[in-house]
Amino acid sequence: MMELEALQEIHSQVSGLGAQIVVLTPELERYTRALHNKLNLTYDILTDLHLTTAEEFRLVFVLPDYLRDLYKSFGKTLDRFHDEREYRLPMPARYVIDMEGIIRAAGVNADYTIRPEPSEIVRQLRALTIRLGHTGDSIRGGKQSGECHANTSR
């Protein structure tokens, strides 16, 4: 939740650079819609059903047994939230992708507790805008891209 709030804080800067934030999550729409509304997010959250896109980016890992048990003790059953029988999750990743689909910047860490600062996205977008000589109208920023099921729960 803190991650989503941090991305909301930079949303206007990202939009001002002609880019957009898109979050891709394995959570089903019925769970993200309420969160989207509660946090008053102005960017889209898309569902990566069965981690199809995360698999294409080779970002999927299986939780070890001790973490499965911990998740279950908190009532977090991934089969319910993700429609996923295995306890698989995507590694958190951020990509800046241009309009031609070229990944211009990427941030991935196998340690899910380490995430790049949202301000780094703004810095990367500014640098890309300058490097490509654009006013920002032909770049887009996002977490991941690919085939997904839209959840525009505004």
N, C-alpha and C. Protein backbone atom coordinates (compact mmCIF):
# COMPACT_ATOMS: atom_id res chain seq x y z
N MET A 1 0.82 -1.18 0.00
CA MET A 1 0.00 0.00 0.00
C MET A 1 0.87 1.25 0.00
N MET A 2 1.96 1.24 0.75
CA MET A 2 2.85 2.40 0.78
C MET A 2 3.45 2.67 -0.59
N GLU A 3 3.72 1.60 -1.32
CA GLU A 3 4.28 1.73 -2.66
C GLU A 3 3.30 2.46 -3.58
N LEU A 4 2.04 2.10 -3.50
CA LEU A 4 1.02 2.74 -4.32
C LEU A 4 0.86 4.21 -3.97
N GLU A 5 0.93 4.51 -2.68
CA GLU A 5 0.84 5.91 -2.24
C GLU A 5 2.05 6.71 -2.72
N ALA A 6 3.22 6.10 -2.67
CA ALA A 6 4.43 6.79 -3.12
C ALA A 6 4.36 7.08 -4.62
N LEU A 7 3.82 6.14 -5.38
CA LEU A 7 3.66 6.37 -6.82
C LEU A 7 2.63 7.46 -7.08
N GLN A 8 1.60 7.52 -6.25
CA GLN A 8 0.60 8.59 -6.41
C GLN A 8 1.24 9.96 -6.20
N GLU A 9 2.18 10.04 -5.26
CA GLU A 9 2.85 11.32 -4.98
C GLU A 9 3.63 11.85 -6.17
N ILE A 10 4.14 10.98 -7.03
CA ILE A 10 4.90 11.44 -8.20
C ILE A 10 4.06 11.47 -9.47
N HIS A 11 2.81 11.07 -9.37
CA HIS A 11 1.97 10.96 -10.56
C HIS A 11 1.91 12.24 -11.37
N SER A 12 1.75 13.39 -10.73
CA SER A 12 1.64 14.64 -11.49
C SER A 12 2.95 14.97 -12.21
N GLN A 13 4.08 14.67 -11.59
CA GLN A 13 5.37 14.90 -12.25
C GLN A 13 5.53 13.99 -13.45
N VAL A 14 5.14 12.73 -13.30
CA VAL A 14 5.24 11.77 -14.38
C VAL A 14 4.33 12.20 -15.53
N SER A 15 3.11 12.58 -15.20
CA SER A 15 2.17 13.06 -16.24
C SER A 15 2.70 14.30 -16.92
N GLY A 16 3.32 15.19 -16.16
CA GLY A 16 3.89 16.41 -16.71
C GLY A 16 5.00 16.15 -17.71
N LEU A 17 5.61 15.00 -17.60
CA LEU A 17 6.66 14.61 -18.54
C LEU A 17 6.09 13.81 -19.72
N GLY A 18 4.77 13.74 -19.78
CA GLY A 18 4.12 13.04 -20.89
C GLY A 18 4.09 11.54 -20.74
N ALA A 19 4.29 11.06 -19.54
CA ALA A 19 4.32 9.62 -19.29
C ALA A 19 3.13 9.23 -18.42
N GLN A 20 2.98 7.94 -18.22
CA GLN A 20 1.93 7.45 -17.34
C GLN A 20 2.45 6.33 -16.46
N ILE A 21 1.86 6.21 -15.30
CA ILE A 21 2.17 5.12 -14.38
C ILE A 21 1.10 4.06 -14.56
N VAL A 22 1.54 2.83 -14.69
CA VAL A 22 0.62 1.69 -14.75
C VAL A 22 1.18 0.63 -13.80
N VAL A 23 0.36 0.18 -12.88
CA VAL A 23 0.78 -0.86 -11.95
C VAL A 23 0.18 -2.18 -12.41
N LEU A 24 0.99 -3.20 -12.41
CA LEU A 24 0.56 -4.54 -12.79
C LEU A 24 0.72 -5.43 -11.58
N THR A 25 -0.36 -6.10 -11.19
CA THR A 25 -0.36 -6.93 -9.99
C THR A 25 -1.07 -8.24 -10.26
N PRO A 26 -0.71 -9.30 -9.55
CA PRO A 26 -1.43 -10.55 -9.72
C PRO A 26 -2.78 -10.57 -8.98
N GLU A 27 -3.03 -9.56 -8.15
CA GLU A 27 -4.29 -9.53 -7.40
C GLU A 27 -5.47 -9.33 -8.35
N LEU A 28 -6.53 -10.03 -8.04
CA LEU A 28 -7.74 -9.94 -8.85
C LEU A 28 -8.39 -8.56 -8.68
N GLU A 29 -9.09 -8.14 -9.71
CA GLU A 29 -9.70 -6.82 -9.74
C GLU A 29 -10.60 -6.55 -8.54
N ARG A 30 -11.34 -7.54 -8.11
CA ARG A 30 -12.26 -7.30 -7.00
C ARG A 30 -11.53 -6.88 -5.72
N TYR A 31 -10.25 -7.21 -5.61
CA TYR A 31 -9.47 -6.80 -4.45
C TYR A 31 -8.77 -5.46 -4.66
N THR A 32 -8.36 -5.19 -5.89
CA THR A 32 -7.64 -3.93 -6.13
C THR A 32 -8.58 -2.75 -6.29
N ARG A 33 -9.82 -2.99 -6.70
CA ARG A 33 -10.76 -1.89 -6.91
C ARG A 33 -10.98 -1.10 -5.63
N ALA A 34 -11.20 -1.79 -4.52
CA ALA A 34 -11.43 -1.12 -3.25
C ALA A 34 -10.19 -0.33 -2.81
N LEU A 35 -9.04 -0.91 -3.00
CA LEU A 35 -7.78 -0.24 -2.65
C LEU A 35 -7.58 1.00 -3.52
N HIS A 36 -7.86 0.87 -4.80
CA HIS A 36 -7.74 1.98 -5.74
C HIS A 36 -8.61 3.16 -5.27
N ASN A 37 -9.83 2.86 -4.90
CA ASN A 37 -10.75 3.91 -4.43
C ASN A 37 -10.34 4.46 -3.08
N LYS A 38 -9.94 3.59 -2.16
CA LYS A 38 -9.54 4.02 -0.81
C LYS A 38 -8.37 5.00 -0.86
N LEU A 39 -7.40 4.71 -1.72
CA LEU A 39 -6.20 5.54 -1.82
C LEU A 39 -6.38 6.69 -2.81
N ASN A 40 -7.54 6.73 -3.48
CA ASN A 40 -7.84 7.78 -4.46
C ASN A 40 -6.73 7.88 -5.52
N LEU A 41 -6.37 6.74 -6.08
CA LEU A 41 -5.31 6.68 -7.07
C LEU A 41 -5.79 7.23 -8.40
N THR A 42 -4.91 7.93 -9.08
CA THR A 42 -5.25 8.52 -10.38
C THR A 42 -4.54 7.82 -11.53
N TYR A 43 -3.96 6.68 -11.26
CA TYR A 43 -3.35 5.86 -12.30
C TYR A 43 -4.00 4.48 -12.25
N ASP A 44 -3.77 3.70 -13.30
CA ASP A 44 -4.43 2.40 -13.42
C ASP A 44 -3.67 1.29 -12.72
N ILE A 45 -4.45 0.35 -12.19
CA ILE A 45 -3.92 -0.91 -11.67
C ILE A 45 -4.48 -2.00 -12.56
N LEU A 46 -3.60 -2.77 -13.17
CA LEU A 46 -4.00 -3.84 -14.06
C LEU A 46 -3.70 -5.19 -13.41
N THR A 47 -4.50 -6.18 -13.74
CA THR A 47 -4.32 -7.51 -13.19
C THR A 47 -3.54 -8.38 -14.18
N ASP A 48 -2.44 -8.93 -13.70
CA ASP A 48 -1.64 -9.89 -14.47
C ASP A 48 -2.11 -11.28 -14.07
N LEU A 49 -3.20 -11.70 -14.67
CA LEU A 49 -3.84 -12.95 -14.30
C LEU A 49 -2.89 -14.13 -14.48
N HIS A 50 -2.73 -14.90 -13.42
CA HIS A 50 -1.86 -16.08 -13.38
C HIS A 50 -0.40 -15.73 -13.71
N LEU A 51 -0.03 -14.49 -13.47
CA LEU A 51 1.37 -14.03 -13.62
C LEU A 51 1.91 -14.24 -15.03
N THR A 52 1.04 -14.14 -16.00
CA THR A 52 1.44 -14.37 -17.39
C THR A 52 2.53 -13.41 -17.83
N THR A 53 2.35 -12.13 -17.57
CA THR A 53 3.35 -11.14 -17.97
C THR A 53 4.61 -11.27 -17.13
N ALA A 54 4.46 -11.46 -15.84
CA ALA A 54 5.63 -11.63 -14.97
C ALA A 54 6.46 -12.83 -15.42
N GLU A 55 5.81 -13.88 -15.86
CA GLU A 55 6.54 -15.04 -16.38
C GLU A 55 7.34 -14.67 -17.63
N GLU A 56 6.75 -13.87 -18.52
CA GLU A 56 7.45 -13.45 -19.73
C GLU A 56 8.70 -12.65 -19.39
N PHE A 57 8.64 -11.88 -18.33
CA PHE A 57 9.79 -11.09 -17.89
C PHE A 57 10.71 -11.87 -16.95
N ARG A 58 10.36 -13.12 -16.70
CA ARG A 58 11.12 -14.01 -15.80
C ARG A 58 11.25 -13.42 -14.41
N LEU A 59 10.13 -12.95 -13.89
CA LEU A 59 10.10 -12.30 -12.59
C LEU A 59 9.39 -13.12 -11.52
N VAL A 60 8.94 -14.32 -11.84
CA VAL A 60 8.14 -15.12 -10.91
C VAL A 60 9.03 -15.96 -10.01
N PHE A 61 8.65 -15.99 -8.72
CA PHE A 61 9.33 -16.88 -7.79
C PHE A 61 8.28 -17.57 -6.92
N VAL A 62 8.64 -18.70 -6.38
CA VAL A 62 7.75 -19.47 -5.51
C VAL A 62 8.16 -19.20 -4.07
N LEU A 63 7.19 -18.88 -3.24
CA LEU A 63 7.48 -18.62 -1.83
C LEU A 63 7.94 -19.90 -1.14
N PRO A 64 8.98 -19.80 -0.31
CA PRO A 64 9.39 -20.98 0.46
C PRO A 64 8.31 -21.32 1.50
N ASP A 65 8.34 -22.54 2.00
CA ASP A 65 7.31 -23.03 2.92
C ASP A 65 7.12 -22.12 4.13
N TYR A 66 8.20 -21.62 4.73
CA TYR A 66 8.06 -20.80 5.94
C TYR A 66 7.31 -19.50 5.63
N LEU A 67 7.47 -18.94 4.43
CA LEU A 67 6.73 -17.74 4.07
C LEU A 67 5.28 -18.06 3.72
N ARG A 68 5.05 -19.22 3.13
CA ARG A 68 3.67 -19.65 2.87
C ARG A 68 2.90 -19.71 4.17
N ASP A 69 3.53 -20.34 5.18
CA ASP A 69 2.88 -20.46 6.49
C ASP A 69 2.62 -19.09 7.10
N LEU A 70 3.57 -18.19 6.96
CA LEU A 70 3.41 -16.84 7.49
C LEU A 70 2.26 -16.12 6.79
N TYR A 71 2.21 -16.20 5.47
CA TYR A 71 1.12 -15.60 4.71
C TYR A 71 -0.22 -16.16 5.18
N LYS A 72 -0.29 -17.47 5.32
CA LYS A 72 -1.54 -18.10 5.74
C LYS A 72 -1.94 -17.65 7.14
N SER A 73 -0.96 -17.47 8.04
CA SER A 73 -1.28 -17.05 9.40
C SER A 73 -1.89 -15.65 9.44
N PHE A 74 -1.57 -14.82 8.44
CA PHE A 74 -2.15 -13.48 8.33
C PHE A 74 -3.43 -13.48 7.48
N GLY A 75 -3.86 -14.66 7.05
CA GLY A 75 -5.06 -14.76 6.24
C GLY A 75 -4.84 -14.43 4.77
N LYS A 76 -3.59 -14.34 4.35
CA LYS A 76 -3.28 -14.04 2.95
C LYS A 76 -3.12 -15.33 2.18
N THR A 77 -4.21 -15.79 1.61
CA THR A 77 -4.15 -16.99 0.80
C THR A 77 -4.13 -16.57 -0.66
N LEU A 78 -3.03 -16.81 -1.31
CA LEU A 78 -2.84 -16.34 -2.68
C LEU A 78 -3.82 -16.97 -3.65
N ASP A 79 -4.30 -18.17 -3.31
CA ASP A 79 -5.28 -18.78 -4.21
C ASP A 79 -6.55 -17.92 -4.28
N ARG A 80 -6.88 -17.27 -3.20
CA ARG A 80 -8.07 -16.42 -3.18
C ARG A 80 -7.80 -15.06 -3.81
N PHE A 81 -6.70 -14.43 -3.45
CA PHE A 81 -6.39 -13.09 -3.93
C PHE A 81 -5.86 -13.05 -5.36
N HIS A 82 -5.20 -14.12 -5.78
CA HIS A 82 -4.55 -14.14 -7.09
C HIS A 82 -5.11 -15.19 -8.03
N ASP A 83 -6.05 -15.99 -7.56
CA ASP A 83 -6.54 -17.12 -8.34
C ASP A 83 -5.36 -18.00 -8.76
N GLU A 84 -4.52 -18.29 -7.78
CA GLU A 84 -3.24 -18.97 -8.01
C GLU A 84 -3.07 -20.03 -6.93
N ARG A 85 -3.05 -21.30 -7.31
CA ARG A 85 -2.93 -22.37 -6.32
C ARG A 85 -1.52 -22.46 -5.73
N GLU A 86 -0.54 -22.21 -6.55
CA GLU A 86 0.84 -22.22 -6.06
C GLU A 86 1.10 -20.88 -5.40
N TYR A 87 2.00 -20.85 -4.48
CA TYR A 87 2.35 -19.59 -3.83
C TYR A 87 3.47 -18.92 -4.61
N ARG A 88 3.07 -18.33 -5.76
CA ARG A 88 4.01 -17.65 -6.63
C ARG A 88 3.73 -16.16 -6.58
N LEU A 89 4.79 -15.40 -6.65
CA LEU A 89 4.68 -13.94 -6.68
C LEU A 89 5.65 -13.38 -7.71
N PRO A 90 5.38 -12.17 -8.18
CA PRO A 90 6.35 -11.53 -9.07
C PRO A 90 7.36 -10.73 -8.24
N MET A 91 8.59 -10.67 -8.71
CA MET A 91 9.55 -9.76 -8.09
C MET A 91 9.10 -8.34 -8.44
N PRO A 92 9.18 -7.42 -7.49
CA PRO A 92 8.83 -6.04 -7.82
C PRO A 92 9.78 -5.51 -8.89
N ALA A 93 9.22 -4.88 -9.89
CA ALA A 93 10.02 -4.37 -11.00
C ALA A 93 9.42 -3.07 -11.48
N ARG A 94 10.28 -2.20 -11.99
CA ARG A 94 9.84 -0.96 -12.62
C ARG A 94 10.52 -0.84 -13.96
N TYR A 95 9.73 -0.44 -14.93
CA TYR A 95 10.26 -0.24 -16.27
C TYR A 95 9.81 1.12 -16.79
N VAL A 96 10.68 1.77 -17.52
CA VAL A 96 10.32 2.95 -18.30
C VAL A 96 10.39 2.48 -19.74
N ILE A 97 9.23 2.53 -20.40
CA ILE A 97 9.09 1.98 -21.75
C ILE A 97 8.66 3.10 -22.69
N ASP A 98 9.37 3.24 -23.81
CA ASP A 98 8.99 4.29 -24.76
C ASP A 98 7.83 3.84 -25.63
N MET A 99 7.33 4.72 -26.47
CA MET A 99 6.16 4.43 -27.29
C MET A 99 6.39 3.32 -28.30
N GLU A 100 7.65 3.03 -28.63
CA GLU A 100 7.95 1.95 -29.55
C GLU A 100 8.08 0.62 -28.81
N GLY A 101 7.88 0.63 -27.49
CA GLY A 101 7.98 -0.59 -26.70
C GLY A 101 9.38 -0.94 -26.27
N ILE A 102 10.31 -0.01 -26.40
CA ILE A 102 11.70 -0.24 -25.99
C ILE A 102 11.85 0.10 -24.52
N ILE A 103 12.39 -0.84 -23.76
CA ILE A 103 12.63 -0.60 -22.33
C ILE A 103 13.84 0.31 -22.23
N ARG A 104 13.63 1.50 -21.69
CA ARG A 104 14.71 2.50 -21.58
C ARG A 104 15.35 2.50 -20.20
N ALA A 105 14.66 1.99 -19.20
CA ALA A 105 15.21 1.88 -17.85
C ALA A 105 14.49 0.75 -17.14
N ALA A 106 15.20 0.03 -16.29
CA ALA A 106 14.59 -1.08 -15.56
C ALA A 106 15.18 -1.15 -14.16
N GLY A 107 14.35 -1.53 -13.25
CA GLY A 107 14.78 -1.73 -11.87
C GLY A 107 14.10 -2.98 -11.32
N VAL A 108 14.89 -4.01 -11.04
CA VAL A 108 14.38 -5.26 -10.51
C VAL A 108 15.33 -5.72 -9.42
N ASN A 109 14.78 -6.21 -8.31
CA ASN A 109 15.61 -6.75 -7.25
C ASN A 109 14.94 -8.02 -6.73
N ALA A 110 15.68 -9.10 -6.65
CA ALA A 110 15.12 -10.36 -6.16
C ALA A 110 14.65 -10.24 -4.72
N ASP A 111 15.21 -9.30 -3.97
CA ASP A 111 14.77 -9.04 -2.59
C ASP A 111 13.58 -8.10 -2.66
N TYR A 112 12.39 -8.64 -2.43
CA TYR A 112 11.17 -7.84 -2.58
C TYR A 112 11.08 -6.68 -1.59
N THR A 113 11.93 -6.67 -0.56
CA THR A 113 11.89 -5.57 0.40
C THR A 113 12.67 -4.35 -0.08
N ILE A 114 13.47 -4.52 -1.13
CA ILE A 114 14.26 -3.42 -1.67
C ILE A 114 13.61 -2.95 -2.96
N ARG A 115 13.16 -1.71 -2.94
CA ARG A 115 12.49 -1.14 -4.12
C ARG A 115 13.09 0.21 -4.42
N PRO A 116 13.18 0.54 -5.70
CA PRO A 116 13.74 1.85 -6.05
C PRO A 116 12.82 2.97 -5.56
N GLU A 117 13.42 4.09 -5.25
CA GLU A 117 12.65 5.27 -4.85
C GLU A 117 11.82 5.76 -6.02
N PRO A 118 10.57 6.13 -5.80
CA PRO A 118 9.75 6.67 -6.88
C PRO A 118 10.38 7.89 -7.56
N SER A 119 11.13 8.68 -6.81
CA SER A 119 11.78 9.85 -7.41
C SER A 119 12.77 9.43 -8.51
N GLU A 120 13.26 8.20 -8.44
CA GLU A 120 14.17 7.69 -9.46
C GLU A 120 13.46 7.59 -10.81
N ILE A 121 12.18 7.26 -10.79
CA ILE A 121 11.40 7.21 -12.03
C ILE A 121 11.37 8.58 -12.68
N VAL A 122 11.11 9.60 -11.88
CA VAL A 122 11.05 10.96 -12.40
C VAL A 122 12.40 11.35 -12.99
N ARG A 123 13.47 11.02 -12.29
CA ARG A 123 14.82 11.32 -12.80
C ARG A 123 15.07 10.62 -14.13
N GLN A 124 14.69 9.35 -14.21
CA GLN A 124 14.89 8.58 -15.46
C GLN A 124 14.07 9.16 -16.60
N LEU A 125 12.84 9.55 -16.31
CA LEU A 125 11.98 10.13 -17.35
C LEU A 125 12.54 11.46 -17.84
N ARG A 126 13.02 12.28 -16.91
CA ARG A 126 13.62 13.57 -17.32
C ARG A 126 14.84 13.33 -18.20
N ALA A 127 15.69 12.40 -17.79
CA ALA A 127 16.89 12.09 -18.58
C ALA A 127 16.52 11.55 -19.95
N LEU A 128 15.52 10.70 -20.00
CA LEU A 128 15.08 10.14 -21.28
C LEU A 128 14.49 11.23 -22.17
N THR A 129 13.73 12.11 -21.60
CA THR A 129 13.13 13.20 -22.36
C THR A 129 14.22 14.07 -22.99
N ILE A 130 15.24 14.38 -22.21
CA ILE A 130 16.35 15.20 -22.71
C ILE A 130 17.12 14.43 -23.78
N ARG A 131 17.44 13.16 -23.49
CA ARG A 131 18.24 12.35 -24.41
C ARG A 131 17.54 12.15 -25.75
N LEU A 132 16.24 11.94 -25.71
CA LEU A 132 15.50 11.70 -26.95
C LEU A 132 15.03 12.99 -27.60
N GLY A 133 15.22 14.11 -26.90
CA GLY A 133 14.83 15.40 -27.47
C GLY A 133 13.33 15.57 -27.58
N HIS A 134 12.59 14.92 -26.69
CA HIS A 134 11.13 15.01 -26.72
C HIS A 134 10.65 15.95 -25.65
N THR A 135 9.45 16.41 -25.83
CA THR A 135 8.80 17.20 -24.79
C THR A 135 8.11 16.30 -23.80
N GLY A 136 8.23 15.01 -23.98
CA GLY A 136 7.63 14.06 -23.07
C GLY A 136 6.38 13.41 -23.64
N ASP A 137 5.97 13.81 -24.85
CA ASP A 137 4.71 13.28 -25.37
C ASP A 137 4.86 11.91 -26.02
N SER A 138 6.05 11.33 -25.99
CA SER A 138 6.16 10.02 -26.62
C SER A 138 6.90 9.01 -25.74
N ILE A 139 6.77 9.17 -24.44
CA ILE A 139 7.31 8.17 -23.53
C ILE A 139 6.22 7.80 -22.55
N ARG A 140 6.34 6.61 -22.03
CA ARG A 140 5.40 6.22 -20.99
C ARG A 140 6.18 5.47 -19.93
N GLY A 141 5.78 5.64 -18.70
CA GLY A 141 6.45 4.97 -17.60
C GLY A 141 5.51 3.96 -16.99
N GLY A 142 6.04 2.86 -16.55
CA GLY A 142 5.17 1.87 -15.95
C GLY A 142 5.97 0.85 -15.19
N LYS A 143 5.24 -0.03 -14.58
CA LYS A 143 5.87 -1.05 -13.80
C LYS A 143 6.24 -2.23 -14.67
N GLN A 144 5.33 -2.70 -15.47
CA GLN A 144 5.58 -3.77 -16.41
C GLN A 144 4.60 -3.57 -17.55
N SER A 145 4.86 -4.20 -18.67
CA SER A 145 3.89 -4.11 -19.75
C SER A 145 3.66 -5.49 -20.31
N GLY A 146 2.62 -5.61 -21.10
CA GLY A 146 2.34 -6.88 -21.73
C GLY A 146 0.86 -7.16 -21.70
N GLU A 147 0.51 -8.39 -22.02
CA GLU A 147 -0.90 -8.78 -22.03
C GLU A 147 -1.38 -8.85 -20.59
N CYS A 148 -2.47 -8.22 -20.32
CA CYS A 148 -3.03 -8.24 -18.97
C CYS A 148 -4.52 -7.97 -19.06
N HIS A 149 -5.18 -8.09 -17.95
CA HIS A 149 -6.60 -7.84 -17.89
C HIS A 149 -6.81 -6.51 -17.19
N ALA A 150 -7.44 -5.58 -17.86
CA ALA A 150 -7.54 -4.21 -17.36
C ALA A 150 -8.37 -4.13 -16.11
N ASN A 151 -7.92 -3.31 -15.21
CA ASN A 151 -8.66 -2.96 -14.01
C ASN A 151 -8.52 -1.46 -13.87
N THR A 152 -9.44 -0.76 -14.41
CA THR A 152 -9.42 0.70 -14.31
C THR A 152 -10.46 1.10 -13.28
N SER A 153 -10.18 0.77 -12.03
CA SER A 153 -11.16 0.92 -10.96
C SER A 153 -11.18 2.33 -10.40
N ARG A 154 -11.62 3.25 -11.21
CA ARG A 154 -11.77 4.62 -10.73
C ARG A 154 -13.20 4.92 -10.47
